[in-house]
Amino acid sequence: MKTQKIKTLINNEEREITVRYNAVKLIMRFSEDNFIKIYEGKDLYVCLAKIRTDFSHITFLCKGAKTNVKPSRMTSQMSAGLVAYEMTLGKQATDEDLVQIFDYEEKNLTNNPQEQIDFFKKWLASLGAVDYEKFG
């Protein structure tokens, strides 16, 4: 398993946590204090979303927790969800908008993955997509 350090805020105190992940098996191991859990998902972005949901008292200071960041199906498959698009309303995403989900970020963060899905749908609508419900 590979190791990744992520800066976080816990009770307004900055701490660094470590996750371990396997990009082939699409699993992520997270531990806090004496708690250890293995998360599985269709990609590692989804695994990180599950961790953020379970540990909503922790603010993860990374791109994968940003409201307007989500992998496309292709980036999910090609990078196991380690690469995603940082979307801007009304603007088509390009290679210049690709980010690593563990890269540092401190603005527009959420622990609610539904907010990321909602933004994605809003972004699709801003591009004129009519049937955006099927892209969730």
N, C-alpha and C. Protein backbone atom coordinates (compact mmCIF):
# COMPACT_ATOMS: atom_id res chain seq x y z
N MET A 1 0.85 -1.19 0.00
CA MET A 1 0.00 0.00 0.00
C MET A 1 0.89 1.25 0.00
N LYS A 2 0.43 2.26 -0.69
CA LYS A 2 1.13 3.54 -0.70
C LYS A 2 0.63 4.38 0.47
N THR A 3 1.46 5.31 0.90
CA THR A 3 1.14 6.18 2.02
C THR A 3 1.00 7.61 1.53
N GLN A 4 0.00 8.32 2.07
CA GLN A 4 -0.22 9.72 1.73
C GLN A 4 -0.52 10.51 2.99
N LYS A 5 0.20 11.58 3.20
CA LYS A 5 -0.06 12.48 4.33
C LYS A 5 -1.00 13.59 3.84
N ILE A 6 -2.01 13.91 4.66
CA ILE A 6 -2.98 14.95 4.34
C ILE A 6 -3.08 15.89 5.53
N LYS A 7 -2.98 17.17 5.26
CA LYS A 7 -3.18 18.15 6.33
C LYS A 7 -4.67 18.23 6.63
N THR A 8 -4.99 18.38 7.91
CA THR A 8 -6.39 18.46 8.34
C THR A 8 -6.54 19.53 9.40
N LEU A 9 -7.78 19.87 9.67
CA LEU A 9 -8.13 20.70 10.82
C LEU A 9 -9.03 19.87 11.71
N ILE A 10 -8.60 19.72 12.97
CA ILE A 10 -9.40 19.01 13.97
C ILE A 10 -9.50 19.93 15.17
N ASN A 11 -10.73 20.35 15.49
CA ASN A 11 -10.95 21.33 16.57
C ASN A 11 -10.10 22.59 16.36
N ASN A 12 -10.10 23.09 15.13
CA ASN A 12 -9.35 24.29 14.73
C ASN A 12 -7.85 24.16 14.90
N GLU A 13 -7.35 22.96 15.06
CA GLU A 13 -5.92 22.71 15.18
C GLU A 13 -5.45 21.95 13.95
N GLU A 14 -4.41 22.46 13.29
CA GLU A 14 -3.90 21.78 12.10
C GLU A 14 -3.11 20.55 12.51
N ARG A 15 -3.48 19.43 11.90
CA ARG A 15 -2.78 18.16 12.13
C ARG A 15 -2.55 17.48 10.80
N GLU A 16 -1.58 16.62 10.77
CA GLU A 16 -1.33 15.84 9.57
C GLU A 16 -1.74 14.40 9.86
N ILE A 17 -2.55 13.86 8.97
CA ILE A 17 -2.97 12.47 9.11
C ILE A 17 -2.38 11.67 7.95
N THR A 18 -2.36 10.39 8.10
CA THR A 18 -1.82 9.52 7.06
C THR A 18 -2.88 8.51 6.64
N VAL A 19 -3.06 8.39 5.34
CA VAL A 19 -3.90 7.32 4.80
C VAL A 19 -3.00 6.40 3.98
N ARG A 20 -3.41 5.17 3.91
CA ARG A 20 -2.73 4.20 3.06
C ARG A 20 -3.74 3.76 2.01
N TYR A 21 -3.25 3.58 0.78
CA TYR A 21 -4.18 3.21 -0.27
C TYR A 21 -3.54 2.25 -1.25
N ASN A 22 -4.40 1.49 -1.91
CA ASN A 22 -3.99 0.57 -2.96
C ASN A 22 -4.81 0.93 -4.19
N ALA A 23 -4.15 1.47 -5.20
CA ALA A 23 -4.83 1.94 -6.41
C ALA A 23 -5.31 0.80 -7.30
N VAL A 24 -4.82 -0.40 -7.08
CA VAL A 24 -5.27 -1.55 -7.86
C VAL A 24 -6.52 -2.15 -7.23
N LYS A 25 -6.49 -2.34 -5.91
CA LYS A 25 -7.63 -2.93 -5.20
C LYS A 25 -8.71 -1.89 -4.88
N LEU A 26 -8.40 -0.60 -5.08
CA LEU A 26 -9.33 0.51 -4.82
C LEU A 26 -9.80 0.51 -3.36
N ILE A 27 -8.80 0.46 -2.47
CA ILE A 27 -9.09 0.52 -1.04
C ILE A 27 -8.23 1.60 -0.39
N MET A 28 -8.74 2.14 0.71
CA MET A 28 -8.02 3.15 1.48
C MET A 28 -8.16 2.81 2.95
N ARG A 29 -7.05 2.85 3.66
CA ARG A 29 -7.04 2.55 5.10
C ARG A 29 -6.86 3.86 5.85
N PHE A 30 -7.77 4.08 6.79
CA PHE A 30 -7.72 5.31 7.59
C PHE A 30 -7.74 4.92 9.06
N SER A 31 -6.91 5.60 9.85
CA SER A 31 -6.92 5.36 11.29
C SER A 31 -6.88 6.69 12.02
N GLU A 32 -7.61 6.74 13.11
CA GLU A 32 -7.60 7.90 14.01
C GLU A 32 -7.64 7.36 15.43
N ASP A 33 -6.70 7.80 16.23
CA ASP A 33 -6.55 7.29 17.59
C ASP A 33 -6.44 5.76 17.52
N ASN A 34 -7.35 5.02 18.12
CA ASN A 34 -7.28 3.56 18.10
C ASN A 34 -8.24 2.93 17.10
N PHE A 35 -8.80 3.75 16.22
CA PHE A 35 -9.78 3.28 15.25
C PHE A 35 -9.11 3.08 13.89
N ILE A 36 -9.32 1.93 13.28
CA ILE A 36 -8.79 1.66 11.94
C ILE A 36 -9.92 1.09 11.10
N LYS A 37 -10.06 1.61 9.89
CA LYS A 37 -11.10 1.10 9.00
C LYS A 37 -10.57 1.09 7.57
N ILE A 38 -10.96 0.07 6.82
CA ILE A 38 -10.62 -0.03 5.40
C ILE A 38 -11.86 0.39 4.60
N TYR A 39 -11.66 1.30 3.67
CA TYR A 39 -12.75 1.79 2.82
C TYR A 39 -12.54 1.27 1.40
N GLU A 40 -13.63 0.84 0.78
CA GLU A 40 -13.61 0.37 -0.60
C GLU A 40 -14.56 1.24 -1.42
N GLY A 41 -14.24 1.41 -2.69
CA GLY A 41 -15.11 2.18 -3.56
C GLY A 41 -14.77 1.93 -5.01
N LYS A 42 -15.52 2.59 -5.89
CA LYS A 42 -15.24 2.42 -7.33
C LYS A 42 -13.93 3.09 -7.71
N ASP A 43 -13.46 4.03 -6.85
CA ASP A 43 -12.15 4.64 -7.02
C ASP A 43 -11.72 5.23 -5.67
N LEU A 44 -10.52 5.78 -5.62
CA LEU A 44 -9.99 6.31 -4.37
C LEU A 44 -10.64 7.63 -3.96
N TYR A 45 -11.15 8.38 -4.93
CA TYR A 45 -11.92 9.59 -4.63
C TYR A 45 -13.15 9.23 -3.80
N VAL A 46 -13.82 8.14 -4.17
CA VAL A 46 -15.00 7.67 -3.43
C VAL A 46 -14.58 7.19 -2.04
N CYS A 47 -13.45 6.50 -1.94
CA CYS A 47 -12.96 6.07 -0.62
C CYS A 47 -12.72 7.28 0.28
N LEU A 48 -12.08 8.32 -0.27
CA LEU A 48 -11.84 9.54 0.51
C LEU A 48 -13.16 10.18 0.92
N ALA A 49 -14.15 10.16 0.05
CA ALA A 49 -15.46 10.72 0.37
C ALA A 49 -16.10 9.96 1.54
N LYS A 50 -15.95 8.66 1.55
CA LYS A 50 -16.51 7.85 2.65
C LYS A 50 -15.82 8.18 3.97
N ILE A 51 -14.51 8.37 3.93
CA ILE A 51 -13.77 8.76 5.14
C ILE A 51 -14.26 10.11 5.63
N ARG A 52 -14.39 11.07 4.72
CA ARG A 52 -14.84 12.42 5.10
C ARG A 52 -16.24 12.38 5.71
N THR A 53 -17.09 11.51 5.21
CA THR A 53 -18.44 11.37 5.75
C THR A 53 -18.40 10.81 7.16
N ASP A 54 -17.60 9.76 7.36
CA ASP A 54 -17.51 9.13 8.67
C ASP A 54 -16.84 10.02 9.72
N PHE A 55 -15.94 10.87 9.27
CA PHE A 55 -15.18 11.73 10.19
C PHE A 55 -15.48 13.20 9.89
N SER A 56 -16.76 13.55 9.99
CA SER A 56 -17.19 14.91 9.63
C SER A 56 -16.62 15.98 10.56
N HIS A 57 -16.06 15.58 11.70
CA HIS A 57 -15.44 16.55 12.60
C HIS A 57 -14.03 16.95 12.13
N ILE A 58 -13.54 16.26 11.10
CA ILE A 58 -12.22 16.55 10.54
C ILE A 58 -12.40 17.27 9.21
N THR A 59 -11.74 18.40 9.05
CA THR A 59 -11.72 19.09 7.76
C THR A 59 -10.46 18.66 7.04
N PHE A 60 -10.63 17.99 5.91
CA PHE A 60 -9.50 17.53 5.12
C PHE A 60 -9.08 18.65 4.18
N LEU A 61 -7.85 19.09 4.31
CA LEU A 61 -7.34 20.22 3.53
C LEU A 61 -6.71 19.70 2.23
N CYS A 62 -7.58 19.19 1.35
CA CYS A 62 -7.09 18.64 0.09
C CYS A 62 -8.12 18.86 -1.02
N LYS A 63 -7.65 18.80 -2.25
CA LYS A 63 -8.51 19.03 -3.42
C LYS A 63 -9.69 18.06 -3.46
N GLY A 64 -9.49 16.83 -3.00
CA GLY A 64 -10.56 15.83 -3.02
C GLY A 64 -11.73 16.18 -2.14
N ALA A 65 -11.55 17.16 -1.25
CA ALA A 65 -12.63 17.61 -0.36
C ALA A 65 -13.23 18.93 -0.83
N LYS A 66 -12.78 19.42 -1.97
CA LYS A 66 -13.28 20.70 -2.47
C LYS A 66 -14.62 20.50 -3.18
N THR A 67 -15.54 21.41 -2.96
CA THR A 67 -16.89 21.29 -3.48
C THR A 67 -16.93 21.09 -4.99
N ASN A 68 -16.06 21.78 -5.72
CA ASN A 68 -16.12 21.75 -7.18
C ASN A 68 -15.09 20.80 -7.81
N VAL A 69 -14.69 19.77 -7.08
CA VAL A 69 -13.73 18.79 -7.61
C VAL A 69 -14.38 17.42 -7.68
N LYS A 70 -14.25 16.80 -8.85
CA LYS A 70 -14.83 15.47 -9.07
C LYS A 70 -14.13 14.84 -10.27
N PRO A 71 -13.80 13.55 -10.19
CA PRO A 71 -13.20 12.91 -11.37
C PRO A 71 -14.27 12.62 -12.42
N SER A 72 -13.85 12.63 -13.66
CA SER A 72 -14.72 12.15 -14.73
C SER A 72 -14.62 10.63 -14.74
N ARG A 73 -15.44 9.99 -15.53
CA ARG A 73 -15.35 8.52 -15.62
C ARG A 73 -13.98 8.11 -16.13
N MET A 74 -13.46 8.86 -17.10
CA MET A 74 -12.17 8.51 -17.67
C MET A 74 -11.03 8.71 -16.66
N THR A 75 -11.02 9.85 -15.96
CA THR A 75 -9.93 10.07 -14.99
C THR A 75 -10.05 9.08 -13.83
N SER A 76 -11.27 8.71 -13.48
CA SER A 76 -11.47 7.72 -12.44
C SER A 76 -10.85 6.38 -12.84
N GLN A 77 -11.12 5.97 -14.07
CA GLN A 77 -10.61 4.69 -14.55
C GLN A 77 -9.10 4.72 -14.76
N MET A 78 -8.58 5.82 -15.31
CA MET A 78 -7.16 5.89 -15.65
C MET A 78 -6.26 6.13 -14.44
N SER A 79 -6.79 6.84 -13.41
CA SER A 79 -5.94 7.20 -12.27
C SER A 79 -6.43 6.57 -10.96
N ALA A 80 -7.42 5.72 -11.04
CA ALA A 80 -8.04 5.12 -9.85
C ALA A 80 -8.65 6.20 -8.96
N GLY A 81 -8.99 7.35 -9.54
CA GLY A 81 -9.62 8.43 -8.79
C GLY A 81 -8.63 9.34 -8.08
N LEU A 82 -7.35 9.21 -8.35
CA LEU A 82 -6.35 10.08 -7.73
C LEU A 82 -6.28 11.44 -8.44
N VAL A 83 -6.82 11.50 -9.66
CA VAL A 83 -6.86 12.73 -10.45
C VAL A 83 -8.32 13.08 -10.71
N ALA A 84 -8.63 14.37 -10.60
CA ALA A 84 -10.01 14.83 -10.81
C ALA A 84 -9.98 16.19 -11.47
N TYR A 85 -11.15 16.64 -11.88
CA TYR A 85 -11.27 17.98 -12.47
C TYR A 85 -11.74 18.98 -11.43
N GLU A 86 -11.14 20.15 -11.43
CA GLU A 86 -11.61 21.28 -10.64
C GLU A 86 -12.45 22.13 -11.59
N MET A 87 -13.76 22.08 -11.40
CA MET A 87 -14.70 22.67 -12.35
C MET A 87 -15.07 24.11 -12.00
N THR A 88 -15.35 24.88 -13.05
CA THR A 88 -15.82 26.26 -12.91
C THR A 88 -17.13 26.37 -13.67
N LEU A 89 -18.15 26.93 -13.01
CA LEU A 89 -19.46 27.06 -13.66
C LEU A 89 -19.32 27.80 -14.99
N GLY A 90 -19.98 27.26 -16.02
CA GLY A 90 -19.99 27.89 -17.34
C GLY A 90 -18.75 27.64 -18.17
N LYS A 91 -17.78 26.87 -17.66
CA LYS A 91 -16.52 26.62 -18.36
C LYS A 91 -16.30 25.12 -18.50
N GLN A 92 -16.05 24.70 -19.72
CA GLN A 92 -15.74 23.29 -19.98
C GLN A 92 -14.42 22.94 -19.29
N ALA A 93 -14.35 21.81 -18.64
CA ALA A 93 -13.12 21.37 -17.99
C ALA A 93 -12.11 20.89 -19.04
N THR A 94 -10.84 21.26 -18.83
CA THR A 94 -9.77 20.86 -19.75
C THR A 94 -8.64 20.23 -18.93
N ASP A 95 -7.60 19.81 -19.62
CA ASP A 95 -6.44 19.24 -18.94
C ASP A 95 -5.84 20.21 -17.93
N GLU A 96 -5.98 21.50 -18.17
CA GLU A 96 -5.46 22.51 -17.24
C GLU A 96 -6.21 22.51 -15.91
N ASP A 97 -7.39 21.90 -15.88
CA ASP A 97 -8.21 21.85 -14.67
C ASP A 97 -8.01 20.56 -13.87
N LEU A 98 -7.10 19.70 -14.31
CA LEU A 98 -6.83 18.45 -13.59
C LEU A 98 -6.04 18.72 -12.32
N VAL A 99 -6.45 18.07 -11.23
CA VAL A 99 -5.77 18.21 -9.93
C VAL A 99 -5.59 16.83 -9.31
N GLN A 100 -4.64 16.73 -8.43
CA GLN A 100 -4.42 15.53 -7.64
C GLN A 100 -5.30 15.65 -6.39
N ILE A 101 -6.06 14.63 -6.04
CA ILE A 101 -7.01 14.76 -4.94
C ILE A 101 -6.35 15.00 -3.58
N PHE A 102 -5.08 14.62 -3.43
CA PHE A 102 -4.41 14.82 -2.15
C PHE A 102 -3.68 16.16 -2.06
N ASP A 103 -3.64 16.94 -3.15
CA ASP A 103 -2.98 18.24 -3.12
C ASP A 103 -3.65 19.16 -2.12
N TYR A 104 -2.86 20.02 -1.51
CA TYR A 104 -3.35 20.92 -0.46
C TYR A 104 -4.39 21.90 -1.00
N GLU A 105 -5.43 22.12 -0.20
CA GLU A 105 -6.48 23.11 -0.50
C GLU A 105 -7.10 23.56 0.81
N GLU A 106 -7.48 24.82 0.88
CA GLU A 106 -8.11 25.31 2.11
C GLU A 106 -9.40 26.07 1.86
N LYS A 107 -9.83 26.21 0.60
CA LYS A 107 -11.04 26.96 0.29
C LYS A 107 -12.13 26.06 -0.27
N ASN A 108 -13.39 26.41 0.04
CA ASN A 108 -14.57 25.72 -0.50
C ASN A 108 -14.54 24.21 -0.24
N LEU A 109 -14.23 23.83 0.99
CA LEU A 109 -14.15 22.43 1.36
C LEU A 109 -15.47 21.94 1.94
N THR A 110 -15.72 20.65 1.79
CA THR A 110 -16.93 20.04 2.33
C THR A 110 -16.62 18.63 2.81
N ASN A 111 -17.36 18.19 3.81
CA ASN A 111 -17.29 16.80 4.23
C ASN A 111 -18.52 16.05 3.76
N ASN A 112 -19.35 16.72 2.98
CA ASN A 112 -20.58 16.12 2.48
C ASN A 112 -20.42 15.84 0.99
N PRO A 113 -20.15 14.61 0.59
CA PRO A 113 -19.98 14.29 -0.83
C PRO A 113 -21.19 14.67 -1.69
N GLN A 114 -22.39 14.74 -1.09
CA GLN A 114 -23.57 15.13 -1.85
C GLN A 114 -23.41 16.56 -2.38
N GLU A 115 -22.73 17.43 -1.64
CA GLU A 115 -22.49 18.80 -2.11
C GLU A 115 -21.63 18.79 -3.37
N GLN A 116 -20.70 17.85 -3.46
CA GLN A 116 -19.88 17.73 -4.66
C GLN A 116 -20.71 17.23 -5.84
N ILE A 117 -21.59 16.29 -5.59
CA ILE A 117 -22.48 15.79 -6.64
C ILE A 117 -23.42 16.91 -7.10
N ASP A 118 -23.96 17.65 -6.14
CA ASP A 118 -24.86 18.76 -6.48
C ASP A 118 -24.14 19.82 -7.31
N PHE A 119 -22.90 20.14 -6.94
CA PHE A 119 -22.14 21.11 -7.73
C PHE A 119 -21.91 20.57 -9.14
N PHE A 120 -21.56 19.30 -9.26
CA PHE A 120 -21.33 18.69 -10.56
C PHE A 120 -22.56 18.83 -11.46
N LYS A 121 -23.74 18.56 -10.91
CA LYS A 121 -24.98 18.70 -11.68
C LYS A 121 -25.22 20.16 -12.07
N LYS A 122 -24.94 21.06 -11.15
CA LYS A 122 -25.08 22.50 -11.43
C LYS A 122 -24.09 22.91 -12.53
N TRP A 123 -22.88 22.38 -12.47
CA TRP A 123 -21.86 22.67 -13.48
C TRP A 123 -22.32 22.16 -14.85
N LEU A 124 -22.83 20.92 -14.90
CA LEU A 124 -23.33 20.39 -16.17
C LEU A 124 -24.44 21.28 -16.73
N ALA A 125 -25.36 21.69 -15.86
CA ALA A 125 -26.45 22.57 -16.32
C ALA A 125 -25.90 23.89 -16.83
N SER A 126 -24.83 24.40 -16.21
CA SER A 126 -24.25 25.68 -16.65
C SER A 126 -23.62 25.57 -18.03
N LEU A 127 -23.35 24.33 -18.46
CA LEU A 127 -22.80 24.10 -19.80
C LEU A 127 -23.90 23.80 -20.81
N GLY A 128 -25.15 23.78 -20.35
CA GLY A 128 -26.27 23.54 -21.23
C GLY A 128 -26.67 22.08 -21.32
N ALA A 129 -26.16 21.23 -20.44
CA ALA A 129 -26.55 19.83 -20.43
C ALA A 129 -28.01 19.73 -20.00
N VAL A 130 -28.82 19.02 -20.75
CA VAL A 130 -30.25 18.94 -20.45
C VAL A 130 -30.54 17.81 -19.48
N ASP A 131 -30.05 16.62 -19.79
CA ASP A 131 -30.34 15.44 -18.96
C ASP A 131 -29.15 15.15 -18.05
N TYR A 132 -28.89 16.04 -17.11
CA TYR A 132 -27.72 15.90 -16.26
C TYR A 132 -27.94 14.94 -15.09
N GLU A 133 -29.15 14.50 -14.82
CA GLU A 133 -29.42 13.58 -13.70
C GLU A 133 -28.67 12.26 -13.87
N LYS A 134 -28.46 11.81 -15.12
CA LYS A 134 -27.81 10.54 -15.32
C LYS A 134 -26.30 10.60 -15.09
N PHE A 135 -25.73 11.79 -14.86
CA PHE A 135 -24.29 11.92 -14.67
C PHE A 135 -23.85 11.91 -13.22
N GLY A 136 -24.75 11.75 -12.26
CA GLY A 136 -24.43 11.79 -10.85
C GLY A 136 -23.45 10.76 -10.46
